[in-house]
C-alpha atoms as a PDB file:
ATOM      1  CA  GLY A   1      85.181  48.680 -66.047  1.00  0.00           C
ATOM      2  CA  ASP A   2      87.398  46.947 -63.461  1.00  0.00           C
ATOM      3  CA  ILE A   3      84.905  47.165 -60.588  1.00  0.00           C
ATOM      4  CA  ARG A   4      83.986  43.678 -59.332  1.00  0.00           C
ATOM      5  CA  PRO A   5      81.476  43.727 -56.500  1.00  0.00           C
ATOM      6  CA  ASP A   6      82.052  41.521 -53.498  1.00  0.00           C
ATOM      7  CA  TYR A   7      78.349  40.932 -52.883  1.00  0.00           C
ATOM      8  CA  TYR A   8      75.035  41.435 -54.598  1.00  0.00           C
ATOM      9  CA  TYR A   9      72.046  42.552 -52.428  1.00  0.00           C
ATOM     10  CA  LEU A  10      68.799  41.213 -53.824  1.00  0.00           C
ATOM     11  CA  GLY A  11      66.457  41.618 -50.809  1.00  0.00           C
ATOM     12  CA  GLU A  12      64.130  38.829 -49.597  1.00  0.00           C
ATOM     13  CA  ASN A  13      62.037  38.137 -52.708  1.00  0.00           C
ATOM     14  CA  GLY A  14      61.976  34.428 -51.796  1.00  0.00           C
ATOM     15  CA  GLY A  15      59.640  33.343 -54.617  1.00  0.00           C
ATOM     16  CA  SER A  16      62.262  34.026 -57.349  1.00  0.00           C
ATOM     17  CA  ARG A  17      65.286  32.858 -55.331  1.00  0.00           C
ATOM     18  CA  ARG A  18      66.056  29.675 -57.355  1.00  0.00           C
ATOM     19  CA  ILE A  19      65.513  31.446 -60.725  1.00  0.00           C
ATOM     20  CA  GLN A  20      67.593  34.403 -59.662  1.00  0.00           C
ATOM     21  CA  GLU A  21      70.587  32.252 -58.494  1.00  0.00           C
ATOM     22  CA  GLU A  22      70.454  30.048 -61.603  1.00  0.00           C
ATOM     23  CA  THR A  23      70.523  33.142 -63.838  1.00  0.00           C
ATOM     24  CA  LEU A  24      73.192  34.960 -61.901  1.00  0.00           C
ATOM     25  CA  SER A  25      75.399  31.867 -61.992  1.00  0.00           C
ATOM     26  CA  LEU A  26      75.637  32.331 -65.774  1.00  0.00           C
ATOM     27  CA  LEU A  27      77.255  35.641 -64.990  1.00  0.00           C
ATOM     28  CA  ASP A  28      79.776  34.017 -62.631  1.00  0.00           C
ATOM     29  CA  ILE A  29      77.962  35.225 -59.565  1.00  0.00           C
ATOM     30  CA  CYS A  30      77.868  32.458 -56.959  1.00  0.00           C
ATOM     31  CA  PRO A  31      75.146  31.963 -54.211  1.00  0.00           C
ATOM     32  CA  GLU A  32      77.695  32.950 -51.509  1.00  0.00           C
ATOM     33  CA  GLN A  33      77.874  36.401 -52.962  1.00  0.00           C
ATOM     34  CA  ILE A  34      74.146  36.913 -52.841  1.00  0.00           C
ATOM     35  CA  LEU A  35      72.784  38.858 -49.784  1.00  0.00           C
ATOM     36  CA  ARG A  36      69.126  38.647 -48.708  1.00  0.00           C
ATOM     37  CA  GLU A  37      69.231  40.311 -45.289  1.00  0.00           C
ATOM     38  CA  PRO A  38      69.567  44.068 -44.660  1.00  0.00           C
ATOM     39  CA  CYS A  39      73.324  45.076 -44.724  1.00  0.00           C
ATOM     40  CA  ARG A  40      75.768  48.014 -44.936  1.00  0.00           C
ATOM     41  CA  ALA A  41      78.410  48.555 -47.539  1.00  0.00           C
ATOM     42  CA  ASP A  42      81.615  50.580 -47.730  1.00  0.00           C
ATOM     43  CA  ARG A  43      80.789  51.364 -51.354  1.00  0.00           C
ATOM     44  CA  LEU A  44      77.423  50.754 -52.944  1.00  0.00           C
ATOM     45  CA  LEU A  45      76.463  50.593 -56.664  1.00  0.00           C
ATOM     46  CA  VAL A  46      72.701  50.813 -57.158  1.00  0.00           C
ATOM     47  CA  ALA A  47      70.733  50.034 -60.291  1.00  0.00           C
ATOM     48  CA  ILE A  48      67.383  51.906 -60.437  1.00  0.00           C
ATOM     49  CA  TYR A  49      64.931  50.461 -62.905  1.00  0.00           C
ATOM     50  CA  LEU A  50      62.446  52.989 -64.362  1.00  0.00           C
ATOM     51  CA  HIS A  51      59.689  51.277 -66.264  1.00  0.00           C
ATOM     52  CA  ARG A  52      57.761  54.132 -67.900  1.00  0.00           C
ATOM     53  CA  PRO A  53      54.673  53.635 -69.970  1.00  0.00           C
ATOM     54  CA  GLN A  54      55.634  53.331 -73.630  1.00  0.00           C
ATOM     55  CA  HIS A  55      52.442  53.484 -75.597  1.00  0.00           C
ATOM     56  CA  LEU A  56      48.804  54.294 -74.710  1.00  0.00           C
ATOM     57  CA  GLY A  57      49.750  54.068 -70.961  1.00  0.00           C
ATOM     58  CA  ALA A  58      50.928  50.436 -71.295  1.00  0.00           C
ATOM     59  CA  ARG A  59      54.277  49.083 -70.035  1.00  0.00           C
ATOM     60  CA  PHE A  60      56.078  46.670 -72.286  1.00  0.00           C
ATOM     61  CA  ARG A  61      59.258  44.705 -71.725  1.00  0.00           C
ATOM     62  CA  ASP A  62      62.199  46.106 -73.594  1.00  0.00           C
ATOM     63  CA  ILE A  63      63.709  44.227 -76.545  1.00  0.00           C
ATOM     64  CA  TRP A  64      67.267  44.644 -75.136  1.00  0.00           C
ATOM     65  CA  GLY A  65      66.492  42.729 -71.901  1.00  0.00           C
ATOM     66  CA  HIS A  66      64.594  40.154 -73.912  1.00  0.00           C
ATOM     67  CA  ALA A  67      67.541  39.566 -76.153  1.00  0.00           C
ATOM     68  CA  PHE A  68      70.029  39.625 -73.227  1.00  0.00           C
ATOM     69  CA  VAL A  69      68.316  36.757 -71.323  1.00  0.00           C
ATOM     70  CA  ARG A  70      67.752  34.826 -74.581  1.00  0.00           C
ATOM     71  CA  ARG A  71      71.537  34.996 -75.184  1.00  0.00           C
ATOM     72  CA  LEU A  72      72.402  34.206 -71.642  1.00  0.00           C
ATOM     73  CA  TYR A  73      70.553  30.921 -71.919  1.00  0.00           C
ATOM     74  CA  ALA A  74      71.832  30.213 -75.425  1.00  0.00           C
ATOM     75  CA  LEU A  75      70.722  26.666 -76.187  1.00  0.00           C
ATOM     76  CA  ALA A  76      72.551  24.026 -78.070  1.00  0.00           C
ATOM     77  CA  GLU A  77      71.001  22.534 -81.210  1.00  0.00           C
ATOM     78  CA  ARG A  78      67.437  21.484 -80.578  1.00  0.00           C
ATOM     79  CA  GLN A  79      66.803  17.797 -79.816  1.00  0.00           C
ATOM     80  CA  GLY A  80      64.051  15.592 -80.970  1.00  0.00           C
ATOM     81  CA  VAL A  81      60.838  16.328 -82.868  1.00  0.00           C
ATOM     82  CA  PRO A  82      59.042  19.676 -82.420  1.00  0.00           C
ATOM     83  CA  SER A  83      56.251  19.276 -79.809  1.00  0.00           C
ATOM     84  CA  ARG A  84      52.973  20.908 -78.900  1.00  0.00           C
ATOM     85  CA  ILE A  85      52.652  21.715 -75.198  1.00  0.00           C
ATOM     86  CA  TYR A  86      49.832  22.865 -72.952  1.00  0.00           C
ATOM     87  CA  VAL A  87      51.286  24.722 -69.988  1.00  0.00           C
ATOM     88  CA  LYS A  88      49.301  23.875 -66.836  1.00  0.00           C
ATOM     89  CA  ARG A  89      49.068  26.217 -63.925  1.00  0.00           C
ATOM     90  CA  GLY A  90      50.413  23.938 -61.199  1.00  0.00           C
ATOM     91  CA  GLN A  91      49.873  24.574 -57.466  1.00  0.00           C
ATOM     92  CA  VAL A  92      48.211  27.983 -57.579  1.00  0.00           C
ATOM     93  CA  LYS A  93      45.192  29.637 -55.978  1.00  0.00           C
ATOM     94  CA  ASN A  94      44.194  31.956 -58.790  1.00  0.00           C
ATOM     95  CA  ARG A  95      43.551  31.791 -62.485  1.00  0.00           C
ATOM     96  CA  ARG A  96      42.572  28.131 -62.232  1.00  0.00           C
ATOM     97  CA  ILE A  97      40.893  26.485 -65.255  1.00  0.00           C
ATOM     98  CA  ARG A  98      37.965  24.728 -63.641  1.00  0.00           C
ATOM     99  CA  ASN A  99      37.344  22.412 -66.649  1.00  0.00           C
ATOM    100  CA  GLU A 100      41.060  21.628 -67.174  1.00  0.00           C
ATOM    101  CA  ASP A 101      40.381  17.880 -67.733  1.00  0.00           C
ATOM    102  CA  GLU A 102      38.078  18.830 -70.616  1.00  0.00           C
ATOM    103  CA  VAL A 103      40.624  21.321 -72.005  1.00  0.00           C
ATOM    104  CA  THR A 104      43.446  18.711 -71.776  1.00  0.00           C
ATOM    105  CA  SER A 105      41.332  16.066 -73.516  1.00  0.00           C
ATOM    106  CA  ALA A 106      40.483  18.448 -76.296  1.00  0.00           C
ATOM    107  CA  LEU A 107      44.050  19.561 -76.802  1.00  0.00           C
ATOM    108  CA  THR A 108      45.269  15.938 -76.814  1.00  0.00           C
ATOM    109  CA  THR A 109      43.440  15.434 -80.082  1.00  0.00           C
ATOM    110  CA  TYR A 110      45.596  18.181 -81.503  1.00  0.00           C
ATOM    111  CA  GLY A 111      48.769  16.560 -80.330  1.00  0.00           C
ATOM    112  CA  PHE A 112      49.380  18.680 -77.276  1.00  0.00           C
ATOM    113  CA  ARG A 113      50.893  17.212 -74.094  1.00  0.00           C
ATOM    114  CA  PRO A 114      50.300  18.827 -70.786  1.00  0.00           C
ATOM    115  CA  VAL A 115      53.431  20.031 -68.929  1.00  0.00           C
ATOM    116  CA  LEU A 116      54.040  21.414 -65.434  1.00  0.00           C
ATOM    117  CA  LEU A 117      56.991  23.752 -64.892  1.00  0.00           C
ATOM    118  CA  ASP A 118      57.079  23.362 -61.095  1.00  0.00           C
ATOM    119  CA  GLY A 119      60.510  22.105 -60.038  1.00  0.00           C
ATOM    120  CA  LEU A 120      62.103  22.590 -63.504  1.00  0.00           C
ATOM    121  CA  THR A 121      65.279  24.688 -63.798  1.00  0.00           C
ATOM    122  CA  VAL A 122      65.235  27.705 -66.051  1.00  0.00           C
ATOM    123  CA  ARG A 123      67.302  25.908 -68.605  1.00  0.00           C
ATOM    124  CA  GLU A 124      64.933  22.934 -68.589  1.00  0.00           C
ATOM    125  CA  GLN A 125      61.949  25.322 -69.106  1.00  0.00           C
ATOM    126  CA  ALA A 126      63.869  27.146 -71.906  1.00  0.00           C
ATOM    127  CA  ARG A 127      64.566  23.849 -73.605  1.00  0.00           C
ATOM    128  CA  LEU A 128      60.881  22.839 -73.383  1.00  0.00           C
ATOM    129  CA  PHE A 129      59.713  26.085 -74.988  1.00  0.00           C
ATOM    130  CA  SER A 130      62.481  26.207 -77.601  1.00  0.00           C
ATOM    131  CA  GLU A 131      61.484  22.801 -78.937  1.00  0.00           C
ATOM    132  CA  ALA A 132      57.722  23.556 -79.176  1.00  0.00           C
ATOM    133  CA  GLU A 133      56.031  24.436 -82.374  1.00  0.00           C
ATOM    134  CA  ALA A 134      52.763  25.328 -80.602  1.00  0.00           C
ATOM    135  CA  ILE A 135      52.113  26.488 -76.995  1.00  0.00           C
ATOM    136  CA  VAL A 136      48.826  26.919 -75.180  1.00  0.00           C
ATOM    137  CA  GLY A 137      48.546  28.260 -71.642  1.00  0.00           C
ATOM    138  CA  MET A 138      46.743  30.440 -69.142  1.00  0.00           C
ATOM    139  CA  HIS A 139      48.062  33.987 -68.695  1.00  0.00           C
ATOM    140  CA  GLY A 140      50.722  33.757 -65.956  1.00  0.00           C
ATOM    141  CA  ALA A 141      54.397  33.761 -65.134  1.00  0.00           C
ATOM    142  CA  ALA A 142      55.034  30.403 -66.849  1.00  0.00           C
ATOM    143  CA  LEU A 143      54.625  32.048 -70.224  1.00  0.00           C
ATOM    144  CA  THR A 144      57.592  34.319 -69.529  1.00  0.00           C
ATOM    145  CA  ASN A 145      59.423  31.403 -71.181  1.00  0.00           C
ATOM    146  CA  LEU A 146      58.046  32.528 -74.574  1.00  0.00           C
ATOM    147  CA  LEU A 147      61.230  34.557 -74.846  1.00  0.00           C
ATOM    148  CA  PHE A 148      62.965  31.188 -75.529  1.00  0.00           C
ATOM    149  CA  ALA A 149      60.474  29.923 -78.179  1.00  0.00           C
ATOM    150  CA  ARG A 150      61.494  29.173 -81.709  1.00  0.00           C
ATOM    151  CA  SER A 151      60.652  31.638 -84.426  1.00  0.00           C
ATOM    152  CA  ASN A 152      57.233  31.070 -85.971  1.00  0.00           C
ATOM    153  CA  ALA A 153      55.896  28.933 -83.215  1.00  0.00           C
ATOM    154  CA  ALA A 154      52.175  29.385 -82.542  1.00  0.00           C
ATOM    155  CA  VAL A 155      50.978  30.702 -79.233  1.00  0.00           C
ATOM    156  CA  VAL A 156      47.467  30.732 -77.703  1.00  0.00           C
ATOM    157  CA  GLU A 157      47.217  32.638 -74.455  1.00  0.00           C
ATOM    158  CA  ILE A 158      44.083  32.244 -72.379  1.00  0.00           C
ATOM    159  CA  PHE A 159      42.901  35.266 -70.341  1.00  0.00           C
ATOM    160  CA  PRO A 160      40.359  35.640 -67.512  1.00  0.00           C
ATOM    161  CA  ARG A 161      37.671  38.069 -68.450  1.00  0.00           C
ATOM    162  CA  GLY A 162      38.704  41.656 -67.575  1.00  0.00           C
ATOM    163  CA  VAL A 163      42.432  40.997 -67.571  1.00  0.00           C
ATOM    164  CA  ILE A 164      44.469  43.188 -69.902  1.00  0.00           C
ATOM    165  CA  GLU A 165      48.223  42.587 -69.831  1.00  0.00           C
ATOM    166  CA  ALA A 166      50.493  42.690 -72.864  1.00  0.00           C
ATOM    167  CA  SER A 167      53.789  41.275 -71.642  1.00  0.00           C
ATOM    168  CA  HIS A 168      53.459  37.815 -73.332  1.00  0.00           C
ATOM    169  CA  PHE A 169      52.234  39.404 -76.545  1.00  0.00           C
ATOM    170  CA  THR A 170      55.319  41.592 -76.421  1.00  0.00           C
ATOM    171  CA  ALA A 171      57.650  38.628 -75.830  1.00  0.00           C
ATOM    172  CA  SER A 172      55.977  36.823 -78.752  1.00  0.00           C
ATOM    173  CA  THR A 173      56.539  39.799 -80.985  1.00  0.00           C
ATOM    174  CA  TYR A 174      60.245  39.975 -80.014  1.00  0.00           C
ATOM    175  CA  SER A 175      60.647  36.209 -80.584  1.00  0.00           C
ATOM    176  CA  ASN A 176      58.732  36.347 -83.964  1.00  0.00           C
ATOM    177  CA  LEU A 177      55.949  34.010 -82.747  1.00  0.00           C
ATOM    178  CA  ARG A 178      52.425  33.655 -84.145  1.00  0.00           C
ATOM    179  CA  TYR A 179      50.425  35.047 -81.242  1.00  0.00           C
ATOM    180  CA  HIS A 180      46.691  34.463 -80.653  1.00  0.00           C
ATOM    181  CA  TYR A 181      44.577  34.795 -77.500  1.00  0.00           C
ATOM    182  CA  MET A 182      41.131  33.927 -76.231  1.00  0.00           C
ATOM    183  CA  ILE A 183      39.000  35.173 -73.266  1.00  0.00           C
ATOM    184  CA  ALA A 184      37.651  32.523 -70.957  1.00  0.00           C
ATOM    185  CA  GLU A 185      34.364  32.543 -69.090  1.00  0.00           C
ATOM    186  CA  SER A 186      33.993  33.564 -65.453  1.00  0.00           C
ATOM    187  CA  VAL A 187      32.889  30.986 -62.960  1.00  0.00           C
ATOM    188  CA  PRO A 188      29.872  32.048 -60.769  1.00  0.00           C
ATOM    189  CA  LYS A 189      30.562  32.164 -57.015  1.00  0.00           C
ATOM    190  CA  GLU A 190      34.230  31.409 -57.494  1.00  0.00           C
ATOM    191  CA  PRO A 191      37.250  33.800 -57.336  1.00  0.00           C
ATOM    192  CA  GLU A 192      36.797  36.209 -60.275  1.00  0.00           C
ATOM    193  CA  ASP A 193      39.875  35.030 -62.107  1.00  0.00           C
ATOM    194  CA  ASP A 194      38.982  31.288 -62.007  1.00  0.00           C
ATOM    195  CA  VAL A 195      37.657  30.390 -65.422  1.00  0.00           C
ATOM    196  CA  LEU A 196      35.865  27.942 -67.683  1.00  0.00           C
ATOM    197  CA  VAL A 197      37.300  27.499 -71.127  1.00  0.00           C
ATOM    198  CA  ASN A 198      34.775  27.179 -73.869  1.00  0.00           C
ATOM    199  CA  ILE A 199      36.055  24.232 -75.993  1.00  0.00           C
ATOM    200  CA  GLU A 200      34.390  25.380 -79.227  1.00  0.00           C
ATOM    201  CA  LYS A 201      35.970  28.815 -78.813  1.00  0.00           C
ATOM    202  CA  LEU A 202      39.342  27.218 -78.056  1.00  0.00           C
ATOM    203  CA  GLU A 203      39.134  25.121 -81.180  1.00  0.00           C
ATOM    204  CA  ALA A 204      38.187  28.147 -83.213  1.00  0.00           C
ATOM    205  CA  VAL A 205      41.256  29.980 -82.001  1.00  0.00           C
ATOM    206  CA  LEU A 206      43.454  26.900 -82.724  1.00  0.00           C
ATOM    207  CA  LYS A 207      42.108  26.963 -86.256  1.00  0.00           C
ATOM    208  CA  LEU A 208      43.000  30.685 -86.587  1.00  0.00           C
ATOM    209  CA  ALA A 209      46.483  29.804 -85.362  1.00  0.00           C
ATOM    210  CA  ASP A 210      46.721  27.219 -88.094  1.00  0.00           C
ATOM    211  CA  ILE A 211      46.985  24.382 -85.570  1.00  0.00           C
ATOM    212  CA  THR A 212      45.120  21.306 -86.862  1.00  0.00           C
ATOM    213  CA  PRO A 213      44.336  17.955 -85.209  1.00  0.00           C
ATOM    214  CA  GLU A 214      46.980  15.244 -85.551  1.00  0.00           C
END
């Protein structure tokens, strides 16, 4: 109960550095206490995370961690009018939507605005998702922010063919969202997870999600 570590060893893991430091700061852990290089300690407290399959061999996020992070980033009263957002992939080399201009144009008629999360703080991303009444995006880390979404918001997740991963469905369940998904089409002679989105199919899924043109 009264143990207060001097330092926290996180390893290199450079890709998540900014997110880690922003989140840990909410627990009163400052960047000067975070160690990335190999080190030795007089006393060491180690957390070992065992993520066992929970159902039919699948691994789901646990609801306690979901609720903990949601509370940690507790947001003030929502600002402005609920929005509809299309989460773009940003500067990536996989799972690219090859007809993204066509997808963006189609979603614009439904009142969606395209957003890029690159460079945003976690709190800014949380605010964006918490104020959205409808969210469309390709399967990827950006949709982790579904844990901040408002209850009853509609979600459409786009999957490359052959990808089966339930983490965003799980987050949607914990946050009481209306979850839907669609499977995109593979692109010949391109990386297997680059896709084309069938616009008619996308609009059919939007209709199932009760998202109508504005």
